[in-house]
C-alpha cells in the first residue's frame, strides 16, 4: 500500500501500474531472446501511443504533448545544443600532442558512426559505449581522460551524434554468451527497483511515459538513448548518457554507480538494442 501511495503521489495511475506488472514477466523470461524482446518492446509502445510513428519516439516528451511539440519545433530553429556541436567539432579535429586526432581511433574517421555504439568487444568481453571509447582514445594518445559527466565529453558526443543524425540505431549482439549475458544484465538493471522510492527505470519510462512528475513529462524508454547527449533546460547545459544515468539514480534517492560502471554500460546496451532501427536524433534537447 505504501508503494502504491508513493506512486500516486508522484502522479502515476493505478492503470499504468498494472500495465507495468503485465510487462514484467517478459523482462524476467528464462530464455535470452533479444530479437523477441525488441519486437515486444516496440509493440508495447506502438500499442500504447497509437498516433505516433516509430521515429517519433526519439523526440521523447516532445512527441508526448502537443504544447511541448510546438516548443520543440521552435527550439530546433535555434537549437540550444548548437554551441556543443561546434565546440565538439573543434575538439574532435584538434590534434593531440602526438599529432594524432580522434579520427585515428574510429572507423570512417569517427564520422557517422554513433549508431554503432555501444558495441560488445569480444576480446575484452565487455560493452564499450561511445563515451568510454573516446576516453580510451585520449589515453592511448597520451591525453588525460575527460569526466564522463562534464561539458567536454558532452560536446564530443554531441558532434559525433550530429554526424549520424537520421541513421538507424544498429547495435549488434554477437554470438557470444558473454554478450548475451551483458544484454540480459542490462535488461535486469532496467527493470529492478532500487532507492528509497523503490522505483526502477521502467517505472517512469515504460509504465508512465507521457505522464507528469510535477512539471516534467516523462519520456518513453523506446528511442531514449537515440537522442543522447541532451541539452536540458533544468541543467542549463548539456548532459551525457553517463550524467543522465547517475542523475536518475539520485532522483529515486538511490546510490549512483560510477560513470561507465559495467551495469551502466549494460543498460545502455539493452536500451540501444531494443531501439534498433529508430533514427539517431542526438544531440537532443529536453525541458
C-alpha atoms as a PDB file:
ATOM      1  CA  UNK A   1       0.000   0.000   0.000  1.00  0.00           C
ATOM      2  CA  UNK A   2       2.816   2.389   0.816  1.00  0.00           C
ATOM      3  CA  UNK A   3       4.349   1.725  -2.611  1.00  0.00           C
ATOM      4  CA  UNK A   4       1.054   2.435  -4.356  1.00  0.00           C
ATOM      5  CA  UNK A   5       0.521   5.663  -2.398  1.00  0.00           C
ATOM      6  CA  UNK A   6       4.045   6.734  -3.284  1.00  0.00           C
ATOM      7  CA  UNK A   7       3.393   6.161  -6.974  1.00  0.00           C
ATOM      8  CA  UNK A   8       0.110   8.026  -6.902  1.00  0.00           C
ATOM      9  CA  UNK A   9       1.756  10.916  -5.043  1.00  0.00           C
ATOM     10  CA  UNK A  10       4.183  11.267  -7.965  1.00  0.00           C
ATOM     11  CA  UNK A  11       1.320  11.284 -10.488  1.00  0.00           C
ATOM     12  CA  UNK A  12       1.209   7.638 -11.527  1.00  0.00           C
ATOM     13  CA  UNK A  13      -2.129   5.970 -12.140  1.00  0.00           C
ATOM     14  CA  UNK A  14      -3.175   2.535 -10.909  1.00  0.00           C
ATOM     15  CA  UNK A  15      -3.873   1.600 -14.525  1.00  0.00           C
ATOM     16  CA  UNK A  16      -0.310   2.390 -15.530  1.00  0.00           C
ATOM     17  CA  UNK A  17       0.970   0.393 -12.569  1.00  0.00           C
ATOM     18  CA  UNK A  18      -0.995  -2.603 -13.769  1.00  0.00           C
ATOM     19  CA  UNK A  19       0.483  -2.195 -17.254  1.00  0.00           C
ATOM     20  CA  UNK A  20       3.983  -2.423 -15.843  1.00  0.00           C
ATOM     21  CA  UNK A  21       3.128  -5.530 -13.827  1.00  0.00           C
ATOM     22  CA  UNK A  22       1.882  -7.165 -17.020  1.00  0.00           C
ATOM     23  CA  UNK A  23       5.079  -6.211 -18.834  1.00  0.00           C
ATOM     24  CA  UNK A  24       7.435  -7.544 -16.168  1.00  0.00           C
ATOM     25  CA  UNK A  25       7.135 -11.264 -16.966  1.00  0.00           C
ATOM     26  CA  UNK A  26       8.667 -10.601 -20.389  1.00  0.00           C
ATOM     27  CA  UNK A  27      11.634  -8.984 -18.655  1.00  0.00           C
ATOM     28  CA  UNK A  28      12.010 -11.994 -16.412  1.00  0.00           C
ATOM     29  CA  UNK A  29      11.826 -14.598 -19.177  1.00  0.00           C
ATOM     30  CA  UNK A  30      14.234 -17.514 -18.780  1.00  0.00           C
ATOM     31  CA  UNK A  31      15.331 -17.560 -22.418  1.00  0.00           C
ATOM     32  CA  UNK A  32      17.524 -14.700 -23.581  1.00  0.00           C
ATOM     33  CA  UNK A  33      15.991 -13.621 -26.886  1.00  0.00           C
ATOM     34  CA  UNK A  34      16.971 -10.045 -27.818  1.00  0.00           C
ATOM     35  CA  UNK A  35      15.131 -10.174 -31.149  1.00  0.00           C
ATOM     36  CA  UNK A  36      11.848 -11.101 -29.465  1.00  0.00           C
ATOM     37  CA  UNK A  37      12.494  -8.526 -26.733  1.00  0.00           C
ATOM     38  CA  UNK A  38      12.974  -5.715 -29.248  1.00  0.00           C
ATOM     39  CA  UNK A  39       9.851  -6.708 -31.170  1.00  0.00           C
ATOM     40  CA  UNK A  40       7.745  -6.811 -27.990  1.00  0.00           C
ATOM     41  CA  UNK A  41       9.271  -3.558 -26.714  1.00  0.00           C
ATOM     42  CA  UNK A  42       8.362  -1.679 -29.890  1.00  0.00           C
ATOM     43  CA  UNK A  43       4.881  -3.220 -29.954  1.00  0.00           C
ATOM     44  CA  UNK A  44       4.237  -2.196 -26.357  1.00  0.00           C
ATOM     45  CA  UNK A  45       4.916   1.461 -27.150  1.00  0.00           C
ATOM     46  CA  UNK A  46       3.182   1.496 -30.521  1.00  0.00           C
ATOM     47  CA  UNK A  47       0.081  -0.012 -28.899  1.00  0.00           C
ATOM     48  CA  UNK A  48       0.275   2.498 -26.047  1.00  0.00           C
ATOM     49  CA  UNK A  49       0.717   5.522 -28.342  1.00  0.00           C
ATOM     50  CA  UNK A  50      -1.190   4.636 -31.475  1.00  0.00           C
ATOM     51  CA  UNK A  51      -0.934   8.108 -33.017  1.00  0.00           C
ATOM     52  CA  UNK A  52       2.877   8.126 -33.014  1.00  0.00           C
ATOM     53  CA  UNK A  53       5.134   6.852 -35.758  1.00  0.00           C
ATOM     54  CA  UNK A  54       8.129   4.760 -34.617  1.00  0.00           C
ATOM     55  CA  UNK A  55      10.554   7.578 -35.402  1.00  0.00           C
ATOM     56  CA  UNK A  56       8.582   9.982 -33.179  1.00  0.00           C
ATOM     57  CA  UNK A  57       9.703   8.232 -30.010  1.00  0.00           C
ATOM     58  CA  UNK A  58      13.266   9.543 -30.314  1.00  0.00           C
ATOM     59  CA  UNK A  59      11.903  13.019 -29.547  1.00  0.00           C
ATOM     60  CA  UNK A  60      10.971  11.942 -26.025  1.00  0.00           C
ATOM     61  CA  UNK A  61       8.435  14.163 -24.237  1.00  0.00           C
ATOM     62  CA  UNK A  62       8.145  16.403 -27.301  1.00  0.00           C
ATOM     63  CA  UNK A  63       6.239  13.605 -29.009  1.00  0.00           C
ATOM     64  CA  UNK A  64       4.001  13.084 -25.956  1.00  0.00           C
ATOM     65  CA  UNK A  65       2.472  16.536 -25.590  1.00  0.00           C
ATOM     66  CA  UNK A  66       1.155  18.943 -28.235  1.00  0.00           C
ATOM     67  CA  UNK A  67       2.343  22.052 -26.406  1.00  0.00           C
ATOM     68  CA  UNK A  68       5.827  20.649 -25.922  1.00  0.00           C
ATOM     69  CA  UNK A  69       5.910  19.598 -29.563  1.00  0.00           C
ATOM     70  CA  UNK A  70       5.361  23.203 -30.608  1.00  0.00           C
ATOM     71  CA  UNK A  71       8.155  24.258 -28.257  1.00  0.00           C
ATOM     72  CA  UNK A  72      10.446  21.657 -29.842  1.00  0.00           C
ATOM     73  CA  UNK A  73       9.755  22.976 -33.350  1.00  0.00           C
ATOM     74  CA  UNK A  74      10.648  26.470 -32.154  1.00  0.00           C
ATOM     75  CA  UNK A  75      13.780  25.235 -30.383  1.00  0.00           C
ATOM     76  CA  UNK A  76      15.041  23.484 -33.487  1.00  0.00           C
ATOM     77  CA  UNK A  77      15.159  26.830 -35.283  1.00  0.00           C
ATOM     78  CA  UNK A  78      17.874  27.948 -32.853  1.00  0.00           C
ATOM     79  CA  UNK A  79      18.866  24.722 -31.088  1.00  0.00           C
ATOM     80  CA  UNK A  80      20.298  25.159 -27.592  1.00  0.00           C
ATOM     81  CA  UNK A  81      22.822  22.371 -28.222  1.00  0.00           C
ATOM     82  CA  UNK A  82      24.373  24.085 -31.253  1.00  0.00           C
ATOM     83  CA  UNK A  83      27.223  25.516 -29.185  1.00  0.00           C
ATOM     84  CA  UNK A  84      28.143  21.991 -28.052  1.00  0.00           C
ATOM     85  CA  UNK A  85      28.215  20.656 -31.610  1.00  0.00           C
ATOM     86  CA  UNK A  86      30.536  23.470 -32.685  1.00  0.00           C
ATOM     87  CA  UNK A  87      32.797  23.000 -29.661  1.00  0.00           C
ATOM     88  CA  UNK A  88      32.821  19.253 -30.188  1.00  0.00           C
ATOM     89  CA  UNK A  89      33.827  19.587 -33.818  1.00  0.00           C
ATOM     90  CA  UNK A  90      36.722  21.845 -32.887  1.00  0.00           C
ATOM     91  CA  UNK A  91      37.849  19.430 -30.176  1.00  0.00           C
ATOM     92  CA  UNK A  92      37.447  16.415 -32.441  1.00  0.00           C
ATOM     93  CA  UNK A  93      39.648  17.791 -35.199  1.00  0.00           C
ATOM     94  CA  UNK A  94      42.307  19.376 -32.980  1.00  0.00           C
ATOM     95  CA  UNK A  95      45.461  17.219 -32.905  1.00  0.00           C
ATOM     96  CA  UNK A  96      46.694  15.640 -29.700  1.00  0.00           C
ATOM     97  CA  UNK A  97      50.205  16.440 -28.541  1.00  0.00           C
ATOM     98  CA  UNK A  98      51.470  13.468 -30.556  1.00  0.00           C
ATOM     99  CA  UNK A  99      49.889  14.815 -33.760  1.00  0.00           C
ATOM    100  CA  UNK A 100      47.078  12.281 -33.990  1.00  0.00           C
ATOM    101  CA  UNK A 101      43.362  13.042 -33.580  1.00  0.00           C
ATOM    102  CA  UNK A 102      40.185  11.230 -32.610  1.00  0.00           C
ATOM    103  CA  UNK A 103      39.814  10.366 -36.295  1.00  0.00           C
ATOM    104  CA  UNK A 104      42.634   7.843 -35.866  1.00  0.00           C
ATOM    105  CA  UNK A 105      40.662   5.887 -33.260  1.00  0.00           C
ATOM    106  CA  UNK A 106      37.381   5.278 -35.082  1.00  0.00           C
ATOM    107  CA  UNK A 107      36.062   3.684 -38.242  1.00  0.00           C
ATOM    108  CA  UNK A 108      35.283   6.167 -41.015  1.00  0.00           C
ATOM    109  CA  UNK A 109      37.359   8.718 -39.082  1.00  0.00           C
ATOM    110  CA  UNK A 110      34.588   8.914 -36.494  1.00  0.00           C
ATOM    111  CA  UNK A 111      32.046  10.463 -38.855  1.00  0.00           C
ATOM    112  CA  UNK A 112      28.589   8.880 -38.949  1.00  0.00           C
ATOM    113  CA  UNK A 113      29.377   6.047 -36.531  1.00  0.00           C
ATOM    114  CA  UNK A 114      27.307   6.992 -33.471  1.00  0.00           C
ATOM    115  CA  UNK A 115      24.606   4.455 -34.364  1.00  0.00           C
ATOM    116  CA  UNK A 116      27.067   1.590 -33.830  1.00  0.00           C
ATOM    117  CA  UNK A 117      27.671   2.372 -30.150  1.00  0.00           C
ATOM    118  CA  UNK A 118      27.694   0.782 -27.696  1.00  0.00           C
ATOM    119  CA  UNK A 119      29.236  -2.381 -29.082  1.00  0.00           C
ATOM    120  CA  UNK A 120      30.378  -5.608 -27.452  1.00  0.00           C
ATOM    121  CA  UNK A 121      34.134  -6.077 -27.515  1.00  0.00           C
ATOM    122  CA  UNK A 122      34.681  -9.819 -27.843  1.00  0.00           C
ATOM    123  CA  UNK A 123      38.366  -9.556 -26.922  1.00  0.00           C
ATOM    124  CA  UNK A 124      37.666  -7.720 -23.680  1.00  0.00           C
ATOM    125  CA  UNK A 125      34.339  -9.396 -23.069  1.00  0.00           C
ATOM    126  CA  UNK A 126      32.566  -6.157 -22.195  1.00  0.00           C
ATOM    127  CA  UNK A 127      30.312  -3.453 -23.637  1.00  0.00           C
ATOM    128  CA  UNK A 128      32.059  -0.342 -24.963  1.00  0.00           C
ATOM    129  CA  UNK A 129      29.893   2.823 -25.115  1.00  0.00           C
ATOM    130  CA  UNK A 130      30.957   5.832 -27.162  1.00  0.00           C
ATOM    131  CA  UNK A 131      31.978   7.861 -24.106  1.00  0.00           C
ATOM    132  CA  UNK A 132      34.346   5.128 -22.958  1.00  0.00           C
ATOM    133  CA  UNK A 133      35.764   4.731 -26.474  1.00  0.00           C
ATOM    134  CA  UNK A 134      36.542   8.454 -26.603  1.00  0.00           C
ATOM    135  CA  UNK A 135      38.400   8.423 -23.307  1.00  0.00           C
ATOM    136  CA  UNK A 136      40.331   5.326 -24.305  1.00  0.00           C
ATOM    137  CA  UNK A 137      41.322   7.130 -27.482  1.00  0.00           C
ATOM    138  CA  UNK A 138      42.591  10.049 -25.417  1.00  0.00           C
ATOM    139  CA  UNK A 139      44.574   7.835 -23.058  1.00  0.00           C
ATOM    140  CA  UNK A 140      46.064   5.819 -25.933  1.00  0.00           C
ATOM    141  CA  UNK A 141      47.401   9.093 -27.317  1.00  0.00           C
ATOM    142  CA  UNK A 142      48.869  10.356 -24.052  1.00  0.00           C
ATOM    143  CA  UNK A 143      45.979  12.629 -23.072  1.00  0.00           C
ATOM    144  CA  UNK A 144      44.161  12.713 -19.728  1.00  0.00           C
ATOM    145  CA  UNK A 145      40.606  11.319 -19.807  1.00  0.00           C
ATOM    146  CA  UNK A 146      37.646  13.664 -19.584  1.00  0.00           C
ATOM    147  CA  UNK A 147      34.979  13.483 -16.910  1.00  0.00           C
ATOM    148  CA  UNK A 148      32.055  11.418 -18.149  1.00  0.00           C
ATOM    149  CA  UNK A 149      29.536  13.914 -16.791  1.00  0.00           C
ATOM    150  CA  UNK A 150      31.073  17.254 -17.819  1.00  0.00           C
ATOM    151  CA  UNK A 151      30.888  19.548 -20.839  1.00  0.00           C
ATOM    152  CA  UNK A 152      33.907  18.250 -22.773  1.00  0.00           C
ATOM    153  CA  UNK A 153      32.524  14.732 -23.121  1.00  0.00           C
ATOM    154  CA  UNK A 154      29.063  16.093 -23.860  1.00  0.00           C
ATOM    155  CA  UNK A 155      30.463  18.267 -26.659  1.00  0.00           C
ATOM    156  CA  UNK A 156      32.442  15.438 -28.263  1.00  0.00           C
ATOM    157  CA  UNK A 157      29.491  13.059 -28.253  1.00  0.00           C
ATOM    158  CA  UNK A 158      27.167  15.844 -29.440  1.00  0.00           C
ATOM    159  CA  UNK A 159      29.319  16.364 -32.523  1.00  0.00           C
ATOM    160  CA  UNK A 160      29.596  12.648 -33.255  1.00  0.00           C
ATOM    161  CA  UNK A 161      25.851  12.178 -32.798  1.00  0.00           C
ATOM    162  CA  UNK A 162      25.157  15.116 -35.100  1.00  0.00           C
ATOM    163  CA  UNK A 163      27.179  13.459 -37.893  1.00  0.00           C
ATOM    164  CA  UNK A 164      24.939  10.382 -37.555  1.00  0.00           C
ATOM    165  CA  UNK A 165      21.576  12.140 -37.465  1.00  0.00           C
ATOM    166  CA  UNK A 166      18.888  10.163 -39.239  1.00  0.00           C
ATOM    167  CA  UNK A 167      20.907   6.958 -39.357  1.00  0.00           C
ATOM    168  CA  UNK A 168      19.137   3.992 -37.759  1.00  0.00           C
ATOM    169  CA  UNK A 169      20.465   2.632 -34.475  1.00  0.00           C
ATOM    170  CA  UNK A 170      22.347  -0.531 -35.400  1.00  0.00           C
ATOM    171  CA  UNK A 171      23.549  -2.393 -32.318  1.00  0.00           C
ATOM    172  CA  UNK A 172      24.876  -5.932 -32.727  1.00  0.00           C
ATOM    173  CA  UNK A 173      24.838  -8.758 -30.216  1.00  0.00           C
ATOM    174  CA  UNK A 174      27.485 -11.240 -31.347  1.00  0.00           C
ATOM    175  CA  UNK A 175      27.070 -14.978 -30.927  1.00  0.00           C
ATOM    176  CA  UNK A 176      28.918 -14.904 -27.646  1.00  0.00           C
ATOM    177  CA  UNK A 177      27.405 -15.957 -24.302  1.00  0.00           C
ATOM    178  CA  UNK A 178      29.144 -13.008 -22.623  1.00  0.00           C
ATOM    179  CA  UNK A 179      27.379 -10.574 -24.962  1.00  0.00           C
ATOM    180  CA  UNK A 180      24.017 -12.158 -24.240  1.00  0.00           C
ATOM    181  CA  UNK A 181      24.771 -12.011 -20.522  1.00  0.00           C
ATOM    182  CA  UNK A 182      25.662  -8.306 -20.768  1.00  0.00           C
ATOM    183  CA  UNK A 183      22.414  -7.627 -22.636  1.00  0.00           C
ATOM    184  CA  UNK A 184      20.386  -9.596 -20.090  1.00  0.00           C
ATOM    185  CA  UNK A 185      22.111  -7.885 -17.163  1.00  0.00           C
ATOM    186  CA  UNK A 186      21.261  -4.522 -18.698  1.00  0.00           C
ATOM    187  CA  UNK A 187      17.631  -5.540 -19.052  1.00  0.00           C
ATOM    188  CA  UNK A 188      17.548  -6.772 -15.458  1.00  0.00           C
ATOM    189  CA  UNK A 189      19.021  -3.492 -14.213  1.00  0.00           C
ATOM    190  CA  UNK A 190      16.412  -1.547 -16.175  1.00  0.00           C
ATOM    191  CA  UNK A 191      13.506  -3.384 -14.522  1.00  0.00           C
ATOM    192  CA  UNK A 192      14.918  -3.707 -10.991  1.00  0.00           C
ATOM    193  CA  UNK A 193      13.544  -1.394  -8.309  1.00  0.00           C
ATOM    194  CA  UNK A 194      16.034   0.477  -6.126  1.00  0.00           C
ATOM    195  CA  UNK A 195      16.460   3.544  -3.976  1.00  0.00           C
ATOM    196  CA  UNK A 196      14.277   4.890  -1.180  1.00  0.00           C
ATOM    197  CA  UNK A 197      11.429   5.468  -3.649  1.00  0.00           C
ATOM    198  CA  UNK A 198      11.637   1.836  -4.807  1.00  0.00           C
ATOM    199  CA  UNK A 199      11.488   2.835  -8.475  1.00  0.00           C
ATOM    200  CA  UNK A 200      13.025   1.124 -11.461  1.00  0.00           C
ATOM    201  CA  UNK A 201      13.999   2.776 -14.741  1.00  0.00           C
ATOM    202  CA  UNK A 202      10.879   1.153 -16.182  1.00  0.00           C
ATOM    203  CA  UNK A 203       8.634   2.726 -13.539  1.00  0.00           C
ATOM    204  CA  UNK A 204       8.965   6.073 -15.303  1.00  0.00           C
ATOM    205  CA  UNK A 205       9.938   5.182 -18.844  1.00  0.00           C
ATOM    206  CA  UNK A 206       7.774   2.111 -19.565  1.00  0.00           C
ATOM    207  CA  UNK A 207       4.949   2.452 -17.093  1.00  0.00           C
ATOM    208  CA  UNK A 208       4.295   6.163 -17.315  1.00  0.00           C
ATOM    209  CA  UNK A 209       5.710   7.970 -20.370  1.00  0.00           C
ATOM    210  CA  UNK A 210       3.594  10.968 -21.223  1.00  0.00           C
ATOM    211  CA  UNK A 211       2.544  11.438 -17.601  1.00  0.00           C
ATOM    212  CA  UNK A 212       3.790  14.239 -15.405  1.00  0.00           C
ATOM    213  CA  UNK A 213       6.044  14.184 -12.386  1.00  0.00           C
ATOM    214  CA  UNK A 214       5.482  17.705 -11.127  1.00  0.00           C
ATOM    215  CA  UNK A 215       6.268  19.838 -14.216  1.00  0.00           C
ATOM    216  CA  UNK A 216       8.202  17.167 -16.110  1.00  0.00           C
ATOM    217  CA  UNK A 217       6.641  14.945 -18.771  1.00  0.00           C
ATOM    218  CA  UNK A 218       8.238  11.514 -18.709  1.00  0.00           C
ATOM    219  CA  UNK A 219       9.925  10.235 -21.863  1.00  0.00           C
ATOM    220  CA  UNK A 220       9.380   6.763 -23.328  1.00  0.00           C
ATOM    221  CA  UNK A 221      12.236   4.281 -22.995  1.00  0.00           C
ATOM    222  CA  UNK A 222      11.942   3.454 -26.694  1.00  0.00           C
ATOM    223  CA  UNK A 223      14.438   5.679 -28.501  1.00  0.00           C
ATOM    224  CA  UNK A 224      15.555   7.410 -25.307  1.00  0.00           C
ATOM    225  CA  UNK A 225      19.267   6.851 -25.951  1.00  0.00           C
ATOM    226  CA  UNK A 226      18.987   7.839 -29.626  1.00  0.00           C
ATOM    227  CA  UNK A 227      18.788  11.487 -28.570  1.00  0.00           C
ATOM    228  CA  UNK A 228      21.854  11.481 -26.327  1.00  0.00           C
ATOM    229  CA  UNK A 229      23.603  13.664 -25.356  1.00  0.00           C
ATOM    230  CA  UNK A 230      20.929  16.182 -24.479  1.00  0.00           C
ATOM    231  CA  UNK A 231      20.606  19.828 -23.560  1.00  0.00           C
ATOM    232  CA  UNK A 232      18.281  20.107 -20.576  1.00  0.00           C
ATOM    233  CA  UNK A 233      16.724  23.379 -19.535  1.00  0.00           C
ATOM    234  CA  UNK A 234      16.816  22.032 -15.976  1.00  0.00           C
ATOM    235  CA  UNK A 235      20.618  21.817 -16.236  1.00  0.00           C
ATOM    236  CA  UNK A 236      21.087  24.937 -18.373  1.00  0.00           C
ATOM    237  CA  UNK A 237      23.598  22.870 -20.278  1.00  0.00           C
ATOM    238  CA  UNK A 238      24.477  19.593 -21.920  1.00  0.00           C
ATOM    239  CA  UNK A 239      24.352  16.170 -20.346  1.00  0.00           C
ATOM    240  CA  UNK A 240      25.985  12.923 -21.359  1.00  0.00           C
ATOM    241  CA  UNK A 241      24.413   9.489 -21.129  1.00  0.00           C
ATOM    242  CA  UNK A 242      26.517   8.922 -18.004  1.00  0.00           C
ATOM    243  CA  UNK A 243      25.164  12.087 -16.434  1.00  0.00           C
ATOM    244  CA  UNK A 244      21.600  11.027 -17.163  1.00  0.00           C
ATOM    245  CA  UNK A 245      22.064   7.585 -15.618  1.00  0.00           C
ATOM    246  CA  UNK A 246      23.661   8.896 -12.440  1.00  0.00           C
ATOM    247  CA  UNK A 247      21.061  11.667 -12.135  1.00  0.00           C
ATOM    248  CA  UNK A 248      18.220   9.161 -12.458  1.00  0.00           C
ATOM    249  CA  UNK A 249      19.641   7.082  -9.623  1.00  0.00           C
ATOM    250  CA  UNK A 250      19.905  10.185  -7.456  1.00  0.00           C
ATOM    251  CA  UNK A 251      16.337  11.254  -8.257  1.00  0.00           C
ATOM    252  CA  UNK A 252      14.927   7.999  -6.890  1.00  0.00           C
ATOM    253  CA  UNK A 253      17.099   8.504  -3.793  1.00  0.00           C
ATOM    254  CA  UNK A 254      19.382   5.671  -4.702  1.00  0.00           C
ATOM    255  CA  UNK A 255      23.158   5.493  -4.753  1.00  0.00           C
ATOM    256  CA  UNK A 256      24.519   6.200  -8.248  1.00  0.00           C
ATOM    257  CA  UNK A 257      27.152   3.896  -9.666  1.00  0.00           C
ATOM    258  CA  UNK A 258      30.416   5.242 -11.004  1.00  0.00           C
ATOM    259  CA  UNK A 259      30.081   6.516 -14.595  1.00  0.00           C
ATOM    260  CA  UNK A 260      30.854   3.731 -17.066  1.00  0.00           C
ATOM    261  CA  UNK A 261      30.337   1.068 -14.415  1.00  0.00           C
ATOM    262  CA  UNK A 262      29.613  -2.295 -16.080  1.00  0.00           C
ATOM    263  CA  UNK A 263      25.937  -2.113 -15.102  1.00  0.00           C
ATOM    264  CA  UNK A 264      25.508   1.303 -16.712  1.00  0.00           C
ATOM    265  CA  UNK A 265      27.265   0.063 -19.834  1.00  0.00           C
ATOM    266  CA  UNK A 266      24.965  -2.954 -19.961  1.00  0.00           C
ATOM    267  CA  UNK A 267      21.754  -0.966 -19.507  1.00  0.00           C
ATOM    268  CA  UNK A 268      22.852   1.338 -22.342  1.00  0.00           C
ATOM    269  CA  UNK A 269      23.481  -1.776 -24.450  1.00  0.00           C
ATOM    270  CA  UNK A 270      19.972  -3.054 -23.706  1.00  0.00           C
ATOM    271  CA  UNK A 271      18.206   0.241 -24.382  1.00  0.00           C
ATOM    272  CA  UNK A 272      20.175   0.805 -27.577  1.00  0.00           C
ATOM    273  CA  UNK A 273      19.461  -2.671 -28.925  1.00  0.00           C
ATOM    274  CA  UNK A 274      15.702  -2.525 -28.351  1.00  0.00           C
ATOM    275  CA  UNK A 275      15.738   0.856 -30.155  1.00  0.00           C
ATOM    276  CA  UNK A 276      17.426  -0.586 -33.246  1.00  0.00           C
ATOM    277  CA  UNK A 277      16.019   0.824 -36.460  1.00  0.00           C
ATOM    278  CA  UNK A 278      14.960   4.141 -34.930  1.00  0.00           C
ATOM    279  CA  UNK A 279      16.946   7.158 -36.118  1.00  0.00           C
ATOM    280  CA  UNK A 280      19.714   8.882 -34.240  1.00  0.00           C
ATOM    281  CA  UNK A 281      18.326  12.274 -33.204  1.00  0.00           C
ATOM    282  CA  UNK A 282      21.136  13.454 -30.953  1.00  0.00           C
ATOM    283  CA  UNK A 283      22.118  15.808 -29.749  1.00  0.00           C
ATOM    284  CA  UNK A 284      18.688  16.409 -28.340  1.00  0.00           C
ATOM    285  CA  UNK A 285      17.015  18.988 -26.149  1.00  0.00           C
ATOM    286  CA  UNK A 286      14.702  18.375 -23.222  1.00  0.00           C
ATOM    287  CA  UNK A 287      12.750  20.635 -20.848  1.00  0.00           C
END
